[in-house]
PDB file of N, CA and C in Angstrom:
ATOM      1  N   UNK A   1     163.335 126.161 341.514  1.00  0.00           N
ATOM      2  CA  UNK A   1     164.282 125.173 341.031  1.00  0.00           C
ATOM      3  C   UNK A   1     165.182 125.789 339.966  1.00  0.00           C
ATOM      4  N   UNK A   2     164.575 126.600 339.082  1.00  0.00           N
ATOM      5  CA  UNK A   2     165.332 127.247 338.014  1.00  0.00           C
ATOM      6  C   UNK A   2     166.438 128.119 338.588  1.00  0.00           C
ATOM      7  N   UNK A   3     166.102 128.906 339.608  1.00  0.00           N
ATOM      8  CA  UNK A   3     167.089 129.802 340.234  1.00  0.00           C
ATOM      9  C   UNK A   3     168.214 129.012 340.913  1.00  0.00           C
ATOM     10  N   UNK A   4     167.856 127.915 341.571  1.00  0.00           N
ATOM     11  CA  UNK A   4     168.876 127.099 342.254  1.00  0.00           C
ATOM     12  C   UNK A   4     169.851 126.496 341.248  1.00  0.00           C
ATOM     13  N   UNK A   5     169.297 125.983 340.124  1.00  0.00           N
ATOM     14  CA  UNK A   5     170.168 125.404 339.103  1.00  0.00           C
ATOM     15  C   UNK A   5     171.032 126.472 338.446  1.00  0.00           C
ATOM     16  N   UNK A   6     170.479 127.626 338.209  1.00  0.00           N
ATOM     17  CA  UNK A   6     171.237 128.723 337.599  1.00  0.00           C
ATOM     18  C   UNK A   6     172.413 129.098 338.495  1.00  0.00           C
ATOM     19  N   UNK A   7     172.138 129.195 339.775  1.00  0.00           N
ATOM     20  CA  UNK A   7     173.200 129.546 340.731  1.00  0.00           C
ATOM     21  C   UNK A   7     174.265 128.456 340.772  1.00  0.00           C
ATOM     22  N   UNK A   8     173.837 127.207 340.799  1.00  0.00           N
ATOM     23  CA  UNK A   8     174.777 126.100 340.894  1.00  0.00           C
ATOM     24  C   UNK A   8     175.601 125.932 339.621  1.00  0.00           C
ATOM     25  N   UNK A   9     174.944 126.093 338.460  1.00  0.00           N
ATOM     26  CA  UNK A   9     175.640 125.892 337.182  1.00  0.00           C
ATOM     27  C   UNK A   9     176.388 127.140 336.708  1.00  0.00           C
ATOM     28  N   UNK A  10     175.981 128.287 337.214  1.00  0.00           N
ATOM     29  CA  UNK A  10     176.603 129.522 336.762  1.00  0.00           C
ATOM     30  C   UNK A  10     176.051 129.977 335.412  1.00  0.00           C
ATOM     31  N   UNK A  11     174.937 129.388 335.005  1.00  0.00           N
ATOM     32  CA  UNK A  11     174.263 129.723 333.747  1.00  0.00           C
ATOM     33  C   UNK A  11     172.833 129.227 333.839  1.00  0.00           C
ATOM     34  N   UNK A  12     172.024 129.608 332.866  1.00  0.00           N
ATOM     35  CA  UNK A  12     170.645 129.102 332.839  1.00  0.00           C
ATOM     36  C   UNK A  12     170.654 127.626 332.493  1.00  0.00           C
ATOM     37  N   UNK A  13     169.854 126.830 333.194  1.00  0.00           N
ATOM     38  CA  UNK A  13     169.826 125.392 332.903  1.00  0.00           C
ATOM     39  C   UNK A  13     169.101 125.104 331.587  1.00  0.00           C
ATOM     40  N   UNK A  14     169.460 124.005 330.984  1.00  0.00           N
ATOM     41  CA  UNK A  14     168.769 123.568 329.774  1.00  0.00           C
ATOM     42  C   UNK A  14     167.455 122.911 330.180  1.00  0.00           C
ATOM     43  N   UNK A  15     166.590 122.703 329.207  1.00  0.00           N
ATOM     44  CA  UNK A  15     165.312 122.036 329.464  1.00  0.00           C
ATOM     45  C   UNK A  15     165.571 120.628 330.011  1.00  0.00           C
ATOM     46  N   UNK A  16     166.536 119.944 329.449  1.00  0.00           N
ATOM     47  CA  UNK A  16     166.882 118.594 329.911  1.00  0.00           C
ATOM     48  C   UNK A  16     167.355 118.592 331.352  1.00  0.00           C
ATOM     49  N   UNK A  17     168.165 119.574 331.719  1.00  0.00           N
ATOM     50  CA  UNK A  17     168.654 119.669 333.096  1.00  0.00           C
ATOM     51  C   UNK A  17     167.515 119.957 334.063  1.00  0.00           C
ATOM     52  N   UNK A  18     166.569 120.824 333.645  1.00  0.00           N
ATOM     53  CA  UNK A  18     165.396 121.084 334.488  1.00  0.00           C
ATOM     54  C   UNK A  18     164.563 119.822 334.660  1.00  0.00           C
ATOM     55  N   UNK A  19     164.377 119.066 333.589  1.00  0.00           N
ATOM     56  CA  UNK A  19     163.593 117.828 333.663  1.00  0.00           C
ATOM     57  C   UNK A  19     164.255 116.831 334.606  1.00  0.00           C
ATOM     58  N   UNK A  20     165.560 116.710 334.484  1.00  0.00           N
ATOM     59  CA  UNK A  20     166.290 115.772 335.346  1.00  0.00           C
ATOM     60  C   UNK A  20     166.225 116.202 336.815  1.00  0.00           C
ATOM     61  N   UNK A  21     166.405 117.492 337.062  1.00  0.00           N
ATOM     62  CA  UNK A  21     166.399 117.998 338.439  1.00  0.00           C
ATOM     63  C   UNK A  21     165.028 117.871 339.092  1.00  0.00           C
ATOM     64  N   UNK A  22     163.963 117.901 338.313  1.00  0.00           N
ATOM     65  CA  UNK A  22     162.617 117.817 338.875  1.00  0.00           C
ATOM     66  C   UNK A  22     161.992 116.433 338.689  1.00  0.00           C
ATOM     67  N   UNK A  23     162.749 115.520 338.151  1.00  0.00           N
ATOM     68  CA  UNK A  23     162.275 114.142 337.905  1.00  0.00           C
ATOM     69  C   UNK A  23     160.991 114.131 337.077  1.00  0.00           C
ATOM     70  N   UNK A  24     160.964 114.959 336.058  1.00  0.00           N
ATOM     71  CA  UNK A  24     159.810 114.993 335.151  1.00  0.00           C
ATOM     72  C   UNK A  24     160.306 114.875 333.720  1.00  0.00           C
ATOM     73  N   UNK A  25     159.370 114.923 332.801  1.00  0.00           N
ATOM     74  CA  UNK A  25     159.708 114.823 331.383  1.00  0.00           C
ATOM     75  C   UNK A  25     160.007 116.205 330.809  1.00  0.00           C
ATOM     76  N   UNK A  26     160.643 116.226 329.674  1.00  0.00           N
ATOM     77  CA  UNK A  26     160.916 117.487 328.984  1.00  0.00           C
ATOM     78  C   UNK A  26     159.602 118.185 328.636  1.00  0.00           C
ATOM     79  N   UNK A  27     158.594 117.402 328.225  1.00  0.00           N
ATOM     80  CA  UNK A  27     157.288 117.977 327.889  1.00  0.00           C
ATOM     81  C   UNK A  27     156.672 118.693 329.092  1.00  0.00           C
ATOM     82  N   UNK A  28     156.793 118.072 330.277  1.00  0.00           N
ATOM     83  CA  UNK A  28     156.236 118.679 331.489  1.00  0.00           C
ATOM     84  C   UNK A  28     156.959 119.985 331.821  1.00  0.00           C
ATOM     85  N   UNK A  29     158.278 120.016 331.616  1.00  0.00           N
ATOM     86  CA  UNK A  29     159.046 121.245 331.873  1.00  0.00           C
ATOM     87  C   UNK A  29     158.611 122.335 330.892  1.00  0.00           C
ATOM     88  N   UNK A  30     158.461 121.978 329.622  1.00  0.00           N
ATOM     89  CA  UNK A  30     158.032 122.966 328.619  1.00  0.00           C
ATOM     90  C   UNK A  30     156.652 123.530 328.949  1.00  0.00           C
ATOM     91  N   UNK A  31     155.729 122.648 329.381  1.00  0.00           N
ATOM     92  CA  UNK A  31     154.389 123.115 329.764  1.00  0.00           C
ATOM     93  C   UNK A  31     154.454 124.044 330.971  1.00  0.00           C
ATOM     94  N   UNK A  32     155.312 123.702 331.929  1.00  0.00           N
ATOM     95  CA  UNK A  32     155.449 124.537 333.131  1.00  0.00           C
ATOM     96  C   UNK A  32     156.037 125.902 332.782  1.00  0.00           C
ATOM     97  N   UNK A  33     157.019 125.928 331.900  1.00  0.00           N
ATOM     98  CA  UNK A  33     157.612 127.202 331.495  1.00  0.00           C
ATOM     99  C   UNK A  33     156.605 128.062 330.738  1.00  0.00           C
ATOM    100  N   UNK A  34     155.813 127.422 329.924  1.00  0.00           N
ATOM    101  CA  UNK A  34     154.777 128.153 329.187  1.00  0.00           C
ATOM    102  C   UNK A  34     153.728 128.700 330.153  1.00  0.00           C
ATOM    103  N   UNK A  35     153.330 127.897 331.116  1.00  0.00           N
ATOM    104  CA  UNK A  35     152.324 128.322 332.093  1.00  0.00           C
ATOM    105  C   UNK A  35     152.862 129.448 332.976  1.00  0.00           C
ATOM    106  N   UNK A  36     154.140 129.431 333.256  1.00  0.00           N
ATOM    107  CA  UNK A  36     154.740 130.460 334.098  1.00  0.00           C
ATOM    108  C   UNK A  36     154.571 131.841 333.463  1.00  0.00           C
ATOM    109  N   UNK A  37     154.653 131.904 332.169  1.00  0.00           N
ATOM    110  CA  UNK A  37     154.502 133.184 331.486  1.00  0.00           C
ATOM    111  C   UNK A  37     153.057 133.597 331.290  1.00  0.00           C
ATOM    112  N   UNK A  38     152.123 132.712 331.530  1.00  0.00           N
ATOM    113  CA  UNK A  38     150.709 132.997 331.256  1.00  0.00           C
ATOM    114  C   UNK A  38     150.049 133.866 332.315  1.00  0.00           C
ATOM    115  N   UNK A  39     150.653 134.027 333.466  1.00  0.00           N
ATOM    116  CA  UNK A  39     149.989 134.789 334.524  1.00  0.00           C
ATOM    117  C   UNK A  39     150.276 136.286 334.467  1.00  0.00           C
ATOM    118  N   UNK A  40     150.993 136.728 333.470  1.00  0.00           N
ATOM    119  CA  UNK A  40     151.279 138.150 333.320  1.00  0.00           C
ATOM    120  C   UNK A  40     150.180 138.804 332.503  1.00  0.00           C
ATOM    121  N   UNK A  41     149.572 139.831 333.060  1.00  0.00           N
ATOM    122  CA  UNK A  41     148.498 140.535 332.379  1.00  0.00           C
ATOM    123  C   UNK A  41     149.032 141.525 331.352  1.00  0.00           C
ATOM    124  N   UNK A  42     148.163 141.914 330.456  1.00  0.00           N
ATOM    125  CA  UNK A  42     148.503 142.898 329.432  1.00  0.00           C
ATOM    126  C   UNK A  42     147.510 144.042 329.550  1.00  0.00           C
ATOM    127  N   UNK A  43     148.013 145.254 329.569  1.00  0.00           N
ATOM    128  CA  UNK A  43     147.153 146.422 329.645  1.00  0.00           C
ATOM    129  C   UNK A  43     146.426 146.616 328.324  1.00  0.00           C
ATOM    130  N   UNK A  44     145.127 146.896 328.401  1.00  0.00           N
ATOM    131  CA  UNK A  44     144.395 147.131 327.155  1.00  0.00           C
ATOM    132  C   UNK A  44     144.708 148.510 326.593  1.00  0.00           C
ATOM    133  N   UNK A  45     145.357 149.356 327.368  1.00  0.00           N
ATOM    134  CA  UNK A  45     145.750 150.673 326.888  1.00  0.00           C
ATOM    135  C   UNK A  45     147.154 150.674 326.290  1.00  0.00           C
ATOM    136  N   UNK A  46     147.867 149.578 326.467  1.00  0.00           N
ATOM    137  CA  UNK A  46     149.225 149.499 325.946  1.00  0.00           C
ATOM    138  C   UNK A  46     149.241 149.339 324.435  1.00  0.00           C
ATOM    139  N   UNK A  47     150.376 149.665 323.848  1.00  0.00           N
ATOM    140  CA  UNK A  47     150.538 149.570 322.398  1.00  0.00           C
ATOM    141  C   UNK A  47     150.562 148.106 321.970  1.00  0.00           C
ATOM    142  N   UNK A  48     149.945 147.822 320.833  1.00  0.00           N
ATOM    143  CA  UNK A  48     149.945 146.456 320.302  1.00  0.00           C
ATOM    144  C   UNK A  48     151.235 146.182 319.543  1.00  0.00           C
ATOM    145  N   UNK A  49     151.931 147.229 319.162  1.00  0.00           N
ATOM    146  CA  UNK A  49     153.141 147.094 318.376  1.00  0.00           C
ATOM    147  C   UNK A  49     154.248 147.833 319.110  1.00  0.00           C
ATOM    148  N   UNK A  50     155.310 147.143 319.431  1.00  0.00           N
ATOM    149  CA  UNK A  50     156.376 147.779 320.194  1.00  0.00           C
ATOM    150  C   UNK A  50     157.082 148.876 319.399  1.00  0.00           C
ATOM    151  N   UNK A  51     156.947 148.859 318.094  1.00  0.00           N
ATOM    152  CA  UNK A  51     157.600 149.874 317.262  1.00  0.00           C
ATOM    153  C   UNK A  51     156.746 151.122 317.097  1.00  0.00           C
ATOM    154  N   UNK A  52     155.466 151.037 317.427  1.00  0.00           N
ATOM    155  CA  UNK A  52     154.570 152.164 317.198  1.00  0.00           C
ATOM    156  C   UNK A  52     153.549 152.247 318.318  1.00  0.00           C
ATOM    157  N   UNK A  53     153.172 153.444 318.672  1.00  0.00           N
ATOM    158  CA  UNK A  53     152.154 153.648 319.700  1.00  0.00           C
ATOM    159  C   UNK A  53     150.800 153.974 319.091  1.00  0.00           C
ATOM    160  N   UNK A  54     150.606 153.645 317.812  1.00  0.00           N
ATOM    161  CA  UNK A  54     149.389 154.027 317.111  1.00  0.00           C
ATOM    162  C   UNK A  54     148.140 153.300 317.597  1.00  0.00           C
ATOM    163  N   UNK A  55     148.213 152.008 317.813  1.00  0.00           N
ATOM    164  CA  UNK A  55     147.026 151.221 318.137  1.00  0.00           C
ATOM    165  C   UNK A  55     147.160 150.561 319.500  1.00  0.00           C
ATOM    166  N   UNK A  56     146.076 150.625 320.271  1.00  0.00           N
ATOM    167  CA  UNK A  56     146.042 149.919 321.544  1.00  0.00           C
ATOM    168  C   UNK A  56     145.036 148.780 321.436  1.00  0.00           C
ATOM    169  N   UNK A  57     145.152 147.821 322.328  1.00  0.00           N
ATOM    170  CA  UNK A  57     144.228 146.694 322.347  1.00  0.00           C
ATOM    171  C   UNK A  57     142.795 147.159 322.555  1.00  0.00           C
ATOM    172  N   UNK A  58     142.609 148.216 323.329  1.00  0.00           N
ATOM    173  CA  UNK A  58     141.270 148.743 323.615  1.00  0.00           C
ATOM    174  C   UNK A  58     140.534 149.148 322.344  1.00  0.00           C
ATOM    175  N   UNK A  59     141.280 149.537 321.319  1.00  0.00           N
ATOM    176  CA  UNK A  59     140.648 149.954 320.068  1.00  0.00           C
ATOM    177  C   UNK A  59     140.022 148.782 319.308  1.00  0.00           C
ATOM    178  N   UNK A  60     140.411 147.561 319.662  1.00  0.00           N
ATOM    179  CA  UNK A  60     139.876 146.380 319.005  1.00  0.00           C
ATOM    180  C   UNK A  60     138.778 145.698 319.809  1.00  0.00           C
ATOM    181  N   UNK A  61     138.560 146.145 321.037  1.00  0.00           N
ATOM    182  CA  UNK A  61     137.568 145.516 321.908  1.00  0.00           C
ATOM    183  C   UNK A  61     136.242 146.248 321.838  1.00  0.00           C
ATOM    184  N   UNK A  62     135.169 145.530 322.055  1.00  0.00           N
ATOM    185  CA  UNK A  62     133.859 146.147 322.170  1.00  0.00           C
ATOM    186  C   UNK A  62     133.226 146.572 320.864  1.00  0.00           C
ATOM    187  N   UNK A  63     133.657 146.007 319.767  1.00  0.00           N
ATOM    188  CA  UNK A  63     133.021 146.357 318.495  1.00  0.00           C
ATOM    189  C   UNK A  63     131.710 145.595 318.359  1.00  0.00           C
ATOM    190  N   UNK A  64     130.816 146.156 317.596  1.00  0.00           N
ATOM    191  CA  UNK A  64     129.514 145.538 317.404  1.00  0.00           C
ATOM    192  C   UNK A  64     129.628 144.317 316.504  1.00  0.00           C
ATOM    193  N   UNK A  65     128.914 143.289 316.836  1.00  0.00           N
ATOM    194  CA  UNK A  65     128.907 142.058 316.058  1.00  0.00           C
ATOM    195  C   UNK A  65     127.732 142.094 315.093  1.00  0.00           C
ATOM    196  N   UNK A  66     128.025 142.109 313.809  1.00  0.00           N
ATOM    197  CA  UNK A  66     126.989 142.181 312.786  1.00  0.00           C
ATOM    198  C   UNK A  66     126.077 140.974 312.755  1.00  0.00           C
ATOM    199  N   UNK A  67     126.498 139.871 313.332  1.00  0.00           N
ATOM    200  CA  UNK A  67     125.664 138.670 313.331  1.00  0.00           C
ATOM    201  C   UNK A  67     124.415 138.826 314.192  1.00  0.00           C
ATOM    202  N   UNK A  68     124.436 139.740 315.160  1.00  0.00           N
ATOM    203  CA  UNK A  68     123.245 139.946 315.983  1.00  0.00           C
ATOM    204  C   UNK A  68     122.080 140.425 315.131  1.00  0.00           C
ATOM    205  N   UNK A  69     122.341 141.386 314.253  1.00  0.00           N
ATOM    206  CA  UNK A  69     121.280 141.884 313.370  1.00  0.00           C
ATOM    207  C   UNK A  69     120.772 140.777 312.458  1.00  0.00           C
ATOM    208  N   UNK A  70     121.689 139.989 311.923  1.00  0.00           N
ATOM    209  CA  UNK A  70     121.276 138.890 311.038  1.00  0.00           C
ATOM    210  C   UNK A  70     120.477 137.837 311.799  1.00  0.00           C
ATOM    211  N   UNK A  71     120.830 137.600 313.050  1.00  0.00           N
ATOM    212  CA  UNK A  71     120.092 136.630 313.857  1.00  0.00           C
ATOM    213  C   UNK A  71     118.666 137.110 314.091  1.00  0.00           C
ATOM    214  N   UNK A  72     118.520 138.379 314.425  1.00  0.00           N
ATOM    215  CA  UNK A  72     117.169 138.932 314.616  1.00  0.00           C
ATOM    216  C   UNK A  72     116.361 138.829 313.329  1.00  0.00           C
ATOM    217  N   UNK A  73     117.001 139.108 312.209  1.00  0.00           N
ATOM    218  CA  UNK A  73     116.321 139.020 310.919  1.00  0.00           C
ATOM    219  C   UNK A  73     115.899 137.580 310.624  1.00  0.00           C
ATOM    220  N   UNK A  74     116.770 136.623 310.911  1.00  0.00           N
ATOM    221  CA  UNK A  74     116.437 135.204 310.692  1.00  0.00           C
ATOM    222  C   UNK A  74     115.243 134.784 311.542  1.00  0.00           C
ATOM    223  N   UNK A  75     115.217 135.239 312.783  1.00  0.00           N
ATOM    224  CA  UNK A  75     114.095 134.904 313.658  1.00  0.00           C
ATOM    225  C   UNK A  75     112.793 135.497 313.132  1.00  0.00           C
ATOM    226  N   UNK A  76     112.858 136.720 312.662  1.00  0.00           N
ATOM    227  CA  UNK A  76     111.664 137.372 312.117  1.00  0.00           C
ATOM    228  C   UNK A  76     111.188 136.654 310.850  1.00  0.00           C
ATOM    229  N   UNK A  77     112.115 136.295 309.984  1.00  0.00           N
ATOM    230  CA  UNK A  77     111.753 135.569 308.762  1.00  0.00           C
ATOM    231  C   UNK A  77     111.151 134.219 309.109  1.00  0.00           C
ATOM    232  N   UNK A  78     111.732 133.541 310.079  1.00  0.00           N
ATOM    233  CA  UNK A  78     111.215 132.241 310.497  1.00  0.00           C
ATOM    234  C   UNK A  78     109.780 132.352 310.990  1.00  0.00           C
ATOM    235  N   UNK A  79     109.503 133.382 311.774  1.00  0.00           N
ATOM    236  CA  UNK A  79     108.144 133.614 312.278  1.00  0.00           C
ATOM    237  C   UNK A  79     107.183 133.875 311.125  1.00  0.00           C
ATOM    238  N   UNK A  80     107.608 134.693 310.175  1.00  0.00           N
ATOM    239  CA  UNK A  80     106.755 134.999 309.024  1.00  0.00           C
ATOM    240  C   UNK A  80     106.514 133.759 308.163  1.00  0.00           C
ATOM    241  N   UNK A  81     107.548 132.942 307.977  1.00  0.00           N
ATOM    242  CA  UNK A  81     107.384 131.719 307.184  1.00  0.00           C
ATOM    243  C   UNK A  81     106.385 130.759 307.838  1.00  0.00           C
ATOM    244  N   UNK A  82     106.398 130.700 309.157  1.00  0.00           N
ATOM    245  CA  UNK A  82     105.472 129.828 309.867  1.00  0.00           C
ATOM    246  C   UNK A  82     104.022 130.248 309.670  1.00  0.00           C
ATOM    247  N   UNK A  83     103.815 131.531 309.370  1.00  0.00           N
ATOM    248  CA  UNK A  83     102.441 132.006 309.176  1.00  0.00           C
ATOM    249  C   UNK A  83     101.902 131.686 307.784  1.00  0.00           C
ATOM    250  N   UNK A  84     102.753 131.213 306.881  1.00  0.00           N
ATOM    251  CA  UNK A  84     102.323 130.875 305.517  1.00  0.00           C
ATOM    252  C   UNK A  84     101.769 129.462 305.444  1.00  0.00           C
ATOM    253  N   UNK A  85     101.028 129.209 304.375  1.00  0.00           N
ATOM    254  CA  UNK A  85     100.565 127.839 304.130  1.00  0.00           C
ATOM    255  C   UNK A  85     101.783 126.989 303.782  1.00  0.00           C
ATOM    256  N   UNK A  86     101.683 125.672 303.952  1.00  0.00           N
ATOM    257  CA  UNK A  86     102.833 124.814 303.636  1.00  0.00           C
ATOM    258  C   UNK A  86     103.333 124.992 302.194  1.00  0.00           C
ATOM    259  N   UNK A  87     102.419 125.152 301.251  1.00  0.00           N
ATOM    260  CA  UNK A  87     102.820 125.304 299.853  1.00  0.00           C
ATOM    261  C   UNK A  87     103.538 126.636 299.638  1.00  0.00           C
ATOM    262  N   UNK A  88     102.977 127.727 300.178  1.00  0.00           N
ATOM    263  CA  UNK A  88     103.618 129.031 300.035  1.00  0.00           C
ATOM    264  C   UNK A  88     104.998 129.033 300.703  1.00  0.00           C
ATOM    265  N   UNK A  89     105.084 128.405 301.855  1.00  0.00           N
ATOM    266  CA  UNK A  89     106.365 128.320 302.565  1.00  0.00           C
ATOM    267  C   UNK A  89     107.389 127.563 301.713  1.00  0.00           C
ATOM    268  N   UNK A  90     106.943 126.471 301.114  1.00  0.00           N
ATOM    269  CA  UNK A  90     107.813 125.645 300.262  1.00  0.00           C
ATOM    270  C   UNK A  90     108.317 126.456 299.068  1.00  0.00           C
ATOM    271  N   UNK A  91     107.436 127.249 298.471  1.00  0.00           N
ATOM    272  CA  UNK A  91     107.804 128.074 297.318  1.00  0.00           C
ATOM    273  C   UNK A  91     108.821 129.135 297.733  1.00  0.00           C
ATOM    274  N   UNK A  92     108.558 129.823 298.823  1.00  0.00           N
ATOM    275  CA  UNK A  92     109.457 130.888 299.288  1.00  0.00           C
ATOM    276  C   UNK A  92     110.828 130.327 299.634  1.00  0.00           C
ATOM    277  N   UNK A  93     110.863 129.236 300.355  1.00  0.00           N
ATOM    278  CA  UNK A  93     112.144 128.634 300.741  1.00  0.00           C
ATOM    279  C   UNK A  93     112.907 128.174 299.499  1.00  0.00           C
ATOM    280  N   UNK A  94     112.219 127.519 298.572  1.00  0.00           N
ATOM    281  CA  UNK A  94     112.877 127.036 297.361  1.00  0.00           C
ATOM    282  C   UNK A  94     113.432 128.191 296.533  1.00  0.00           C
ATOM    283  N   UNK A  95     112.663 129.264 296.418  1.00  0.00           N
ATOM    284  CA  UNK A  95     113.062 130.391 295.568  1.00  0.00           C
ATOM    285  C   UNK A  95     114.158 131.244 296.209  1.00  0.00           C
ATOM    286  N   UNK A  96     113.981 131.625 297.459  1.00  0.00           N
ATOM    287  CA  UNK A  96     114.876 132.604 298.055  1.00  0.00           C
ATOM    288  C   UNK A  96     115.973 132.037 298.951  1.00  0.00           C
ATOM    289  N   UNK A  97     115.799 130.817 299.415  1.00  0.00           N
ATOM    290  CA  UNK A  97     116.829 130.223 300.267  1.00  0.00           C
ATOM    291  C   UNK A  97     117.613 129.145 299.530  1.00  0.00           C
ATOM    292  N   UNK A  98     116.912 128.377 298.675  1.00  0.00           N
ATOM    293  CA  UNK A  98     117.593 127.327 297.923  1.00  0.00           C
ATOM    294  C   UNK A  98     118.063 127.817 296.559  1.00  0.00           C
ATOM    295  N   UNK A  99     117.572 129.008 296.130  1.00  0.00           N
ATOM    296  CA  UNK A  99     118.021 129.601 294.875  1.00  0.00           C
ATOM    297  C   UNK A  99     117.483 128.947 293.617  1.00  0.00           C
ATOM    298  N   UNK A 100     116.369 128.241 293.733  1.00  0.00           N
ATOM    299  CA  UNK A 100     115.800 127.596 292.548  1.00  0.00           C
ATOM    300  C   UNK A 100     114.996 128.602 291.732  1.00  0.00           C
ATOM    301  N   UNK A 101     114.929 128.347 290.443  1.00  0.00           N
ATOM    302  CA  UNK A 101     114.170 129.235 289.555  1.00  0.00           C
ATOM    303  C   UNK A 101     112.678 128.962 289.700  1.00  0.00           C
ATOM    304  N   UNK A 102     111.881 129.931 289.229  1.00  0.00           N
ATOM    305  CA  UNK A 102     110.422 129.739 289.258  1.00  0.00           C
ATOM    306  C   UNK A 102     110.035 128.512 288.441  1.00  0.00           C
ATOM    307  N   UNK A 103     110.715 128.297 287.322  1.00  0.00           N
ATOM    308  CA  UNK A 103     110.398 127.142 286.481  1.00  0.00           C
ATOM    309  C   UNK A 103     110.686 125.839 287.213  1.00  0.00           C
ATOM    310  N   UNK A 104     111.801 125.759 287.906  1.00  0.00           N
ATOM    311  CA  UNK A 104     112.138 124.553 288.669  1.00  0.00           C
ATOM    312  C   UNK A 104     111.092 124.285 289.755  1.00  0.00           C
ATOM    313  N   UNK A 105     110.678 125.323 290.428  1.00  0.00           N
ATOM    314  CA  UNK A 105     109.677 125.178 291.496  1.00  0.00           C
ATOM    315  C   UNK A 105     108.340 124.750 290.902  1.00  0.00           C
ATOM    316  N   UNK A 106     107.948 125.387 289.804  1.00  0.00           N
ATOM    317  CA  UNK A 106     106.679 125.037 289.144  1.00  0.00           C
ATOM    318  C   UNK A 106     106.701 123.580 288.707  1.00  0.00           C
ATOM    319  N   UNK A 107     107.801 123.138 288.128  1.00  0.00           N
ATOM    320  CA  UNK A 107     107.923 121.736 287.710  1.00  0.00           C
ATOM    321  C   UNK A 107     107.785 120.803 288.910  1.00  0.00           C
ATOM    322  N   UNK A 108     108.413 121.160 290.015  1.00  0.00           N
ATOM    323  CA  UNK A 108     108.356 120.344 291.231  1.00  0.00           C
ATOM    324  C   UNK A 108     106.919 120.245 291.762  1.00  0.00           C
ATOM    325  N   UNK A 109     106.185 121.366 291.670  1.00  0.00           N
ATOM    326  CA  UNK A 109     104.812 121.395 292.173  1.00  0.00           C
ATOM    327  C   UNK A 109     103.790 120.901 291.150  1.00  0.00           C
ATOM    328  N   UNK A 110     104.242 120.684 289.918  1.00  0.00           N
ATOM    329  CA  UNK A 110     103.328 120.199 288.874  1.00  0.00           C
ATOM    330  C   UNK A 110     102.366 121.274 288.388  1.00  0.00           C
ATOM    331  N   UNK A 111     102.824 122.542 288.365  1.00  0.00           N
ATOM    332  CA  UNK A 111     101.995 123.648 287.889  1.00  0.00           C
ATOM    333  C   UNK A 111     102.801 124.442 286.864  1.00  0.00           C
ATOM    334  N   UNK A 112     102.132 125.345 286.151  1.00  0.00           N
ATOM    335  CA  UNK A 112     102.848 126.161 285.170  1.00  0.00           C
ATOM    336  C   UNK A 112     103.601 127.282 285.874  1.00  0.00           C
ATOM    337  N   UNK A 113     104.657 127.734 285.214  1.00  0.00           N
ATOM    338  CA  UNK A 113     105.455 128.814 285.777  1.00  0.00           C
ATOM    339  C   UNK A 113     104.635 130.100 285.857  1.00  0.00           C
ATOM    340  N   UNK A 114     103.784 130.347 284.885  1.00  0.00           N
ATOM    341  CA  UNK A 114     102.967 131.566 284.910  1.00  0.00           C
ATOM    342  C   UNK A 114     101.967 131.526 286.074  1.00  0.00           C
ATOM    343  N   UNK A 115     101.407 130.344 286.372  1.00  0.00           N
ATOM    344  CA  UNK A 115     100.488 130.221 287.510  1.00  0.00           C
ATOM    345  C   UNK A 115     101.250 130.467 288.821  1.00  0.00           C
ATOM    346  N   UNK A 116     102.441 129.894 288.905  1.00  0.00           N
ATOM    347  CA  UNK A 116     103.261 130.095 290.100  1.00  0.00           C
ATOM    348  C   UNK A 116     103.567 131.578 290.278  1.00  0.00           C
ATOM    349  N   UNK A 117     103.965 132.256 289.205  1.00  0.00           N
ATOM    350  CA  UNK A 117     104.291 133.672 289.277  1.00  0.00           C
ATOM    351  C   UNK A 117     103.082 134.495 289.713  1.00  0.00           C
ATOM    352  N   UNK A 118     101.915 134.188 289.162  1.00  0.00           N
ATOM    353  CA  UNK A 118     100.739 134.970 289.518  1.00  0.00           C
ATOM    354  C   UNK A 118     100.296 134.691 290.958  1.00  0.00           C
ATOM    355  N   UNK A 119     100.521 133.477 291.443  1.00  0.00           N
ATOM    356  CA  UNK A 119     100.087 133.158 292.806  1.00  0.00           C
ATOM    357  C   UNK A 119     101.064 133.694 293.859  1.00  0.00           C
ATOM    358  N   UNK A 120     102.299 134.028 293.449  1.00  0.00           N
ATOM    359  CA  UNK A 120     103.281 134.538 294.416  1.00  0.00           C
ATOM    360  C   UNK A 120     103.507 136.046 294.275  1.00  0.00           C
ATOM    361  N   UNK A 121     102.822 136.688 293.344  1.00  0.00           N
ATOM    362  CA  UNK A 121     102.984 138.141 293.195  1.00  0.00           C
ATOM    363  C   UNK A 121     102.266 138.839 294.351  1.00  0.00           C
ATOM    364  N   UNK A 122     102.745 140.016 294.725  1.00  0.00           N
ATOM    365  CA  UNK A 122     102.118 140.747 295.848  1.00  0.00           C
ATOM    366  C   UNK A 122     100.638 141.039 295.613  1.00  0.00           C
ATOM    367  N   UNK A 123     100.230 141.231 294.368  1.00  0.00           N
ATOM    368  CA  UNK A 123      98.805 141.537 294.120  1.00  0.00           C
ATOM    369  C   UNK A 123      97.923 140.327 294.375  1.00  0.00           C
ATOM    370  N   UNK A 124      98.485 139.127 294.380  1.00  0.00           N
ATOM    371  CA  UNK A 124      97.713 137.921 294.664  1.00  0.00           C
ATOM    372  C   UNK A 124      97.406 137.806 296.159  1.00  0.00           C
ATOM    373  N   UNK A 125      98.157 138.500 296.982  1.00  0.00           N
ATOM    374  CA  UNK A 125      97.982 138.446 298.440  1.00  0.00           C
ATOM    375  C   UNK A 125      97.957 139.865 298.998  1.00  0.00           C
ATOM    376  N   UNK A 126      96.852 140.601 298.774  1.00  0.00           N
ATOM    377  CA  UNK A 126      96.794 141.979 299.284  1.00  0.00           C
ATOM    378  C   UNK A 126      96.826 142.000 300.815  1.00  0.00           C
ATOM    379  N   UNK A 127      97.381 143.071 301.403  1.00  0.00           N
ATOM    380  CA  UNK A 127      97.432 143.162 302.883  1.00  0.00           C
ATOM    381  C   UNK A 127      96.020 143.234 303.455  1.00  0.00           C
ATOM    382  N   UNK A 128      95.867 142.682 304.632  1.00  0.00           N
ATOM    383  CA  UNK A 128      94.546 142.684 305.275  1.00  0.00           C
ATOM    384  C   UNK A 128      94.458 143.758 306.309  1.00  0.00           C
TER     385      UNK A 128
END
């Protein structure tokens, strides 16, 4: 339709003229024009900047995602937390995930801060 109107008018048709010729809305013509350009592929070896050949799209693809390592770590921590008693789990989560102080945790549990510190020190739980 675009080519026929161009030939008939002797110039490129306006969006309004395309809408009228196709009995559609201007929005529909704009969407069609946008979609028409979407089927053109881009080489991943081509330059990302027309002024410089320094970087290609391929250089940005296939990079490692750091979140995978963090996800594995979260799963491992979750497994380890499940192996603790409910009280120990509560203390660890409050201290290291919620950022509460030992004093705040001790107050919440109704114990002294020194008792909490001694019960959570590594020497209180030697490896088996």
